[in-house]
Protein backbone atom coordinates (compact mmCIF):
# COMPACT_ATOMS: atom_id res chain seq x y z
CA MET A 1 134.48 86.92 89.54
CA THR A 2 135.87 87.24 93.10
CA ALA A 3 133.55 88.75 95.50
CA ARG A 4 134.35 92.26 96.68
CA ALA A 5 135.87 92.36 100.11
CA THR A 6 133.62 93.80 102.92
CA ILE A 7 134.32 95.88 105.94
CA HIS A 8 133.74 92.67 108.01
CA ASP A 9 136.54 91.00 106.05
CA VAL A 10 138.97 93.81 106.88
CA ALA A 11 137.93 93.73 110.54
CA GLN A 12 138.54 90.01 110.64
CA ALA A 13 141.91 90.28 108.95
CA ALA A 14 143.05 93.13 111.18
CA GLY A 15 141.69 91.50 114.30
CA VAL A 16 139.69 94.59 115.28
CA SER A 17 136.03 95.58 115.26
CA VAL A 18 134.00 96.93 112.43
CA LYS A 19 133.52 100.12 114.27
CA THR A 20 137.37 100.47 114.50
CA VAL A 21 137.73 99.92 110.83
CA SER A 22 135.10 102.53 110.11
CA ARG A 23 136.97 105.04 112.33
CA VAL A 24 140.21 104.36 110.51
CA LEU A 25 138.50 104.81 107.07
CA ASN A 26 136.96 107.99 108.20
CA LYS A 27 140.38 109.27 109.52
CA GLU A 28 138.96 109.77 113.05
CA ARG A 29 141.20 110.61 115.87
CA TYR A 30 141.93 108.53 118.98
CA VAL A 31 142.95 105.30 117.09
CA ARG A 32 146.12 103.83 118.25
CA ASP A 33 149.01 103.89 115.62
CA ASP A 34 149.50 100.26 115.63
CA THR A 35 145.90 99.58 115.25
CA ARG A 36 145.55 101.99 112.48
CA GLN A 37 148.52 100.39 110.72
CA LYS A 38 146.92 96.81 110.91
CA VAL A 39 143.76 98.09 109.42
CA GLU A 40 145.49 99.88 106.65
CA ASP A 41 147.51 96.83 105.90
CA ALA A 42 144.35 94.71 105.77
CA VAL A 43 142.76 97.14 103.44
CA ARG A 44 145.69 97.07 100.99
CA THR A 45 145.90 93.20 101.21
CA LEU A 46 142.25 92.69 100.49
CA ARG A 47 142.09 95.51 98.07
CA PHE A 48 139.10 96.75 99.95
CA SER A 49 137.23 99.58 98.31
CA PRO A 50 134.33 100.89 100.57
CA SER A 51 131.12 102.03 98.79
CA ILE A 52 131.71 105.82 98.45
CA ALA A 53 127.96 106.47 98.62
CA ALA A 54 127.46 104.18 101.72
CA ARG A 55 130.48 105.77 103.57
CA SER A 56 129.22 109.30 102.74
CA LEU A 57 125.78 108.34 103.85
CA ALA A 58 127.15 106.92 107.12
CA GLY A 59 129.55 109.84 107.68
CA ARG A 60 126.92 112.49 107.55
CA LYS A 61 125.08 111.74 110.82
CA SER A 62 124.66 108.42 112.51
CA GLY A 63 125.94 105.62 110.30
CA GLN A 64 122.52 103.98 110.36
CA ILE A 65 119.48 103.57 108.25
CA ALA A 66 115.77 102.62 109.13
CA LEU A 67 113.34 100.15 107.77
CA LEU A 68 109.73 101.38 108.18
CA TYR A 69 107.10 98.68 107.90
CA ASP A 70 103.42 97.87 108.66
CA ASN A 71 102.93 94.29 107.55
CA HIS A 72 100.77 91.63 109.10
CA SER A 73 103.00 88.73 107.89
CA PRO A 74 105.98 88.25 110.31
CA TYR A 75 107.51 85.72 107.84
CA TYR A 76 107.60 88.24 105.03
CA ILE A 77 108.99 91.23 106.95
CA HIS A 78 111.54 88.98 108.70
CA GLN A 79 113.00 88.03 105.28
CA ILE A 80 112.93 91.69 104.11
CA GLN A 81 114.78 92.70 107.24
CA GLU A 82 117.32 89.94 106.81
CA GLY A 83 118.11 91.13 103.25
CA ILE A 84 118.50 94.70 104.40
CA TRP A 85 120.61 93.75 107.33
CA GLU A 86 123.04 91.74 105.05
CA ALA A 87 123.57 94.72 102.81
CA CYS A 88 124.09 97.02 105.79
CA ARG A 89 126.63 94.57 107.50
CA ASP A 90 128.72 94.53 104.26
CA GLU A 91 129.12 98.34 104.52
CA GLY A 92 129.33 98.68 108.31
CA VAL A 93 126.00 100.52 108.52
CA ARG A 94 123.55 99.90 111.27
CA LEU A 95 119.84 99.05 110.76
CA LEU A 96 116.91 100.14 112.81
CA ALA A 97 113.48 98.41 112.09
CA GLN A 98 110.51 100.41 113.05
CA PRO A 99 106.82 99.37 112.80
CA VAL A 100 104.43 102.30 111.91
CA ASP A 101 100.60 102.39 111.42
CA VAL A 102 99.78 103.83 108.06
CA ALA A 103 96.23 104.27 109.19
CA SER A 104 97.21 106.57 112.03
CA PRO A 105 96.57 110.31 111.48
CA ASP A 106 99.84 110.95 113.35
CA VAL A 107 102.03 108.64 111.19
CA ALA A 108 103.98 111.52 109.55
CA ARG A 109 104.73 113.06 112.94
CA GLU A 110 105.89 109.67 114.27
CA VAL A 111 108.17 109.21 111.28
CA GLY A 112 109.53 112.68 111.75
CA GLY A 113 110.10 112.02 115.38
CA LEU A 114 112.14 108.85 114.55
CA ILE A 115 114.32 110.80 112.22
CA ASP A 116 114.79 113.59 114.80
CA GLU A 117 115.54 111.13 117.63
CA THR A 118 117.92 108.77 115.72
CA HIS A 119 119.34 110.99 112.89
CA VAL A 120 119.17 108.12 110.44
CA ASP A 121 120.82 108.76 107.23
CA GLY A 122 118.37 107.00 104.93
CA ILE A 123 115.21 105.01 105.06
CA ILE A 124 113.88 101.86 103.36
CA LEU A 125 110.04 101.69 103.04
CA SER A 126 108.22 98.37 102.87
CA SER A 127 104.65 97.86 101.75
CA PRO A 128 102.16 99.39 102.61
CA VAL A 129 104.32 102.21 104.07
CA THR A 130 105.79 102.51 100.60
CA ASP A 131 102.59 104.00 99.30
CA CYS A 132 101.54 106.01 102.36
CA ALA A 133 101.10 109.66 101.04
CA ALA A 134 101.75 111.23 104.44
CA VAL A 135 104.99 109.39 105.01
CA LEU A 136 106.26 110.15 101.48
CA ALA A 137 105.44 113.85 101.82
CA GLU A 138 107.32 113.93 105.32
CA LEU A 139 110.41 112.23 103.84
CA GLU A 140 110.40 114.62 100.76
CA ARG A 141 109.89 117.67 103.01
CA ARG A 142 113.02 116.63 104.98
CA SER A 143 114.98 115.74 101.83
CA ILE A 144 116.13 112.47 103.45
CA PRO A 145 117.17 109.69 100.94
CA PHE A 146 114.63 106.78 100.84
CA VAL A 147 114.03 103.79 98.72
CA ARG A 148 110.65 101.91 98.31
CA ILE A 149 110.13 98.17 98.19
CA SER A 150 107.12 97.15 95.98
CA PRO A 151 105.54 100.57 95.40
CA GLY A 152 102.12 100.69 93.60
CA THR A 153 101.96 104.48 92.98
CA ASN A 154 104.24 107.37 92.16
CA HIS A 155 107.00 105.20 90.80
CA ALA A 156 109.10 108.16 89.60
CA ILE A 157 109.61 109.90 92.87
CA THR A 158 112.34 107.73 94.12
CA SER A 159 114.27 104.55 93.50
CA SER A 160 112.49 101.31 94.01
CA VAL A 161 112.58 97.48 93.78
CA PHE A 162 109.64 95.19 93.14
CA ILE A 163 108.24 92.21 91.37
CA ASP A 164 105.42 92.05 88.77
CA ASP A 165 102.49 91.11 91.07
CA VAL A 166 100.04 91.17 88.26
CA GLN A 167 102.03 88.64 86.11
CA ALA A 168 102.81 86.44 89.19
CA ALA A 169 99.10 86.13 90.18
CA ASP A 170 98.21 85.61 86.53
CA ASP A 171 100.89 82.68 86.47
CA MET A 172 99.39 80.99 89.57
CA THR A 173 95.77 81.27 88.38
CA ALA A 174 96.70 79.96 84.88
CA TYR A 175 98.53 77.13 86.59
CA LEU A 176 95.39 76.15 88.56
CA ILE A 177 93.27 76.44 85.44
CA ASN A 178 95.68 74.13 83.58
CA LEU A 179 95.21 71.62 86.35
CA GLY A 180 91.51 71.58 85.37
CA HIS A 181 90.10 73.94 88.05
CA ARG A 182 87.29 76.14 86.84
CA ARG A 183 85.97 77.48 90.19
CA ILE A 184 88.96 79.10 91.90
CA GLY A 185 88.39 81.03 95.14
CA PHE A 186 90.62 83.96 95.67
CA ILE A 187 91.54 85.60 98.98
CA LEU A 188 92.48 89.31 98.75
CA GLY A 189 95.30 90.88 100.75
CA HIS A 190 94.92 93.84 102.99
CA ASP A 191 93.18 96.75 101.41
CA ASN A 192 96.02 99.22 102.26
CA HIS A 193 98.56 97.23 100.09
CA MET A 194 98.60 98.12 96.47
CA ALA A 195 99.86 94.63 95.69
CA SER A 196 96.36 93.29 96.80
CA ASN A 197 94.71 94.99 93.80
CA GLU A 198 97.49 94.00 91.47
CA ARG A 199 97.18 90.33 92.42
CA LEU A 200 93.37 90.45 91.99
CA PHE A 201 93.94 91.95 88.55
CA GLY A 202 96.22 89.16 87.58
CA TYR A 203 93.78 86.46 88.84
CA ARG A 204 90.99 88.12 86.81
CA ARG A 205 93.08 88.48 83.70
CA ALA A 206 93.94 84.74 83.76
CA LEU A 207 90.30 83.91 84.22
CA ASP A 208 89.27 86.07 81.31
CA ARG A 209 91.90 84.68 79.08
CA ALA A 210 90.61 81.21 79.76
CA GLY A 211 86.95 82.23 79.15
CA ILE A 212 86.01 81.69 82.84
CA ASP A 213 83.46 84.15 84.35
CA TYR A 214 84.62 86.18 87.22
CA GLU A 215 82.52 85.45 90.32
CA PRO A 216 82.72 88.19 92.98
CA ALA A 217 81.12 85.75 95.55
CA ILE A 218 84.20 83.59 95.75
CA VAL A 219 86.59 86.52 96.12
CA ILE A 220 86.84 87.07 99.88
CA PRO A 221 88.64 89.97 101.61
CA GLY A 222 91.67 89.14 103.68
CA ALA A 223 94.32 90.96 105.63
CA PHE A 224 97.58 89.06 104.94
CA ASP A 225 97.34 87.19 108.22
CA PHE A 226 96.47 83.68 109.27
CA ALA A 227 93.15 84.64 111.01
CA SER A 228 91.75 86.19 107.79
CA GLY A 229 92.75 83.12 105.84
CA VAL A 230 90.72 81.06 108.33
CA ASN A 231 87.68 83.41 107.96
CA ALA A 232 87.82 83.37 104.11
CA ALA A 233 88.19 79.51 104.03
CA GLU A 234 85.24 79.09 106.30
CA ILE A 235 83.09 81.11 104.00
CA LEU A 236 84.31 79.49 100.74
CA LEU A 237 84.18 75.87 101.96
CA ALA A 238 80.64 76.33 103.42
CA MET A 239 79.23 77.31 99.97
CA PRO A 240 76.77 74.83 98.39
CA GLN A 241 79.21 74.78 95.37
CA ALA A 242 82.50 75.12 97.08
CA PRO A 243 85.62 76.11 94.92
CA THR A 244 87.91 73.12 93.92
CA ALA A 245 90.94 75.46 94.39
CA ILE A 246 91.77 78.43 96.60
CA PHE A 247 94.46 80.95 95.72
CA ALA A 248 95.41 83.14 98.68
CA SER A 249 97.27 86.32 98.28
CA ASN A 250 100.03 85.24 100.66
CA ASP A 251 101.25 82.18 102.45
CA ASP A 252 99.89 83.19 105.93
CA MET A 253 96.28 83.18 104.52
CA ALA A 254 96.88 79.89 102.56
CA ALA A 255 98.07 78.39 105.90
CA GLY A 256 94.66 79.44 107.28
CA VAL A 257 92.86 77.75 104.44
CA LEU A 258 94.84 74.49 105.12
CA ALA A 259 93.77 74.62 108.89
CA VAL A 260 90.22 74.96 108.01
CA ALA A 261 90.41 72.20 105.47
CA HIS A 262 91.98 69.86 108.04
CA ARG A 263 89.42 70.73 110.75
CA THR A 264 86.46 70.12 108.43
CA GLY A 265 87.75 66.98 106.78
CA VAL A 266 88.36 68.45 103.39
CA ALA A 267 91.40 66.57 101.91
CA VAL A 268 94.19 68.76 100.38
CA PRO A 269 95.03 68.29 97.55
CA ASP A 270 92.56 65.48 96.70
CA GLN A 271 89.41 67.46 97.30
CA LEU A 272 90.81 70.90 97.35
CA SER A 273 93.94 72.52 95.83
CA VAL A 274 95.41 75.39 97.94
CA ALA A 275 98.03 77.94 96.61
CA GLY A 276 99.79 80.85 98.33
CA PHE A 277 102.10 83.65 97.46
CA ASP A 278 105.59 84.80 98.72
CA ASP A 279 107.20 81.41 99.42
CA THR A 280 108.14 82.38 103.06
CA MET A 281 109.45 79.62 105.41
CA LEU A 282 105.82 78.96 106.31
CA ALA A 283 105.14 77.58 102.91
CA GLN A 284 107.62 74.75 103.51
CA VAL A 285 106.66 73.82 107.04
CA VAL A 286 102.87 73.52 106.78
CA TYR A 287 101.23 70.28 105.62
CA PRO A 288 100.96 69.63 102.82
CA PRO A 289 103.75 72.05 101.72
CA LEU A 290 102.30 74.98 99.65
CA THR A 291 102.45 75.59 96.04
CA THR A 292 103.15 79.25 95.95
CA ILE A 293 104.76 82.21 94.07
CA ARG A 294 108.32 82.65 95.16
CA GLN A 295 108.87 86.41 95.74
CA PRO A 296 112.67 87.00 96.21
CA THR A 297 111.91 88.73 99.38
CA ARG A 298 115.39 88.70 100.87
CA THR A 299 116.90 89.95 97.63
CA LEU A 300 114.26 92.73 97.52
CA GLY A 301 115.54 93.99 100.83
CA GLN A 302 119.32 93.65 99.82
CA THR A 303 118.66 95.40 96.44
CA GLY A 304 116.69 98.21 97.99
CA THR A 305 119.48 98.87 100.47
CA ARG A 306 122.19 98.93 97.81
CA LEU A 307 120.05 101.31 95.77
CA LEU A 308 119.94 103.53 98.81
CA PHE A 309 123.70 103.30 99.24
CA SER A 310 124.36 104.11 95.51
CA MET A 311 121.60 106.69 95.13
CA GLY A 312 122.38 109.29 92.46
CA ALA A 313 120.50 112.23 90.93
CA SER A 314 118.00 110.10 89.05
CA ALA A 315 115.76 107.38 90.40
CA GLU A 316 116.57 103.74 89.58
CA HIS A 317 114.01 100.96 89.45
CA ARG A 318 114.68 97.21 89.61
CA ARG A 319 112.22 94.60 88.75
CA LEU A 320 113.25 91.17 90.15
CA PRO A 321 111.99 87.82 88.83
CA HIS A 322 109.36 85.63 90.51
CA GLU A 323 108.97 81.96 90.36
CA LEU A 324 106.05 79.55 90.67
CA ILE A 325 106.94 76.78 93.12
CA GLU A 326 104.89 73.62 92.77
CA ARG A 327 104.56 71.50 95.97
CA GLN A 328 101.99 69.04 97.40
CA SER A 329 99.09 71.35 98.14
CA THR A 330 97.83 71.32 94.58
CA ARG A 331 96.94 68.63 92.08
CA ALA A 332 95.05 68.14 88.74
CA ILE A 333 91.37 67.33 88.91
CA SER A 334 90.96 63.70 87.95
C-alpha cells in the first residue's frame, strides 16, 4: 500500500514552507495567488488528504501540542519525543516538550499556566505524569484533549497506548530462570511510576511459577537512573551469597550494574548475568551489550499522537507488542 502523502510532501512539491501549505489549506488570507495555485496543484497531484481531526485541532488555537514528562531516563524520553515529533511533522503540528515535577504541590497550577501561555490544542502525558491525579483533574476541568502513554490507573478516562509491563517482566525473569539462574536480584523503578509495580509483579509471577521463593532482600529500590543502579548493584554484589543474575527495571539502572561489576572485578556474563528493560540506545553501546526487553518507545509516542489527532467521543486503547532482545550480558550457568 502506498504511504499517504504528508504536508511535508506537499510543501516540497510546491517549493514552499509547511506553514504556507497550512495557510492555504485553512483558506487564510494574504497568500499570493501564484503560491496558492502551486500548493493546490501539489495537493491534487499527490492526492493529499490532511487529517481532519489534526487540522481541526490545529485550527482551533495554536497548531501545537505539548508533551508533559517527568522521567529520569533521558534515553527513554528522547525516543518518546522523537515518535511524537514524527507524527506532528506529518500533520504540520508543532510540539512543545515540557518537564514537570509530579511531586510538586503546584504541578496542576504549572500545567494550567502552560496551557494559558501557549494555548496548546492537545497534550500527551508520559509516565509518571500519565498517572498524576492533580494533572489529570486539571486537564479534565479544562476539557482539553489528552492521551496517556503507559497509564497504570483510570484506563477508561481517555485514550492511551501501552505495553504489557507485567508480561514483559515475566518473560525476562523466565528467560533468566531457563538459563539456570535461581537467585535473581531485581532493581525496582521509581516508586511514582505504576510500571515499577507491574514489572515487580511480573518478576514475582515468574519466580512463583518456577517454584522459586521470593526474597525481599534481593529486591532493591531504584529510581530509573544510572546512580540508583550503581547503588543497588553495590548492595547486591556485596552480599555473602550474591545473585547470579540481576534484572534491572530499565537500561539506565542495568548500565549502573555493569559499571559496578567492572569496577569490582565481577565478570559479565561469566560470573553475573545482567538484564535491562526498554532497549534504548544505551543498551547497545554499553559493554557487554545488554539483554533487555524492547519496548517500542518511539512507536508509543507516534501512536499516542495519532490517537490524539483522531480522538473521537469514546476512548481508544492500543497495546503494543514487546520483545525480549538477547545480547552478550547474559549466559547460562555452566
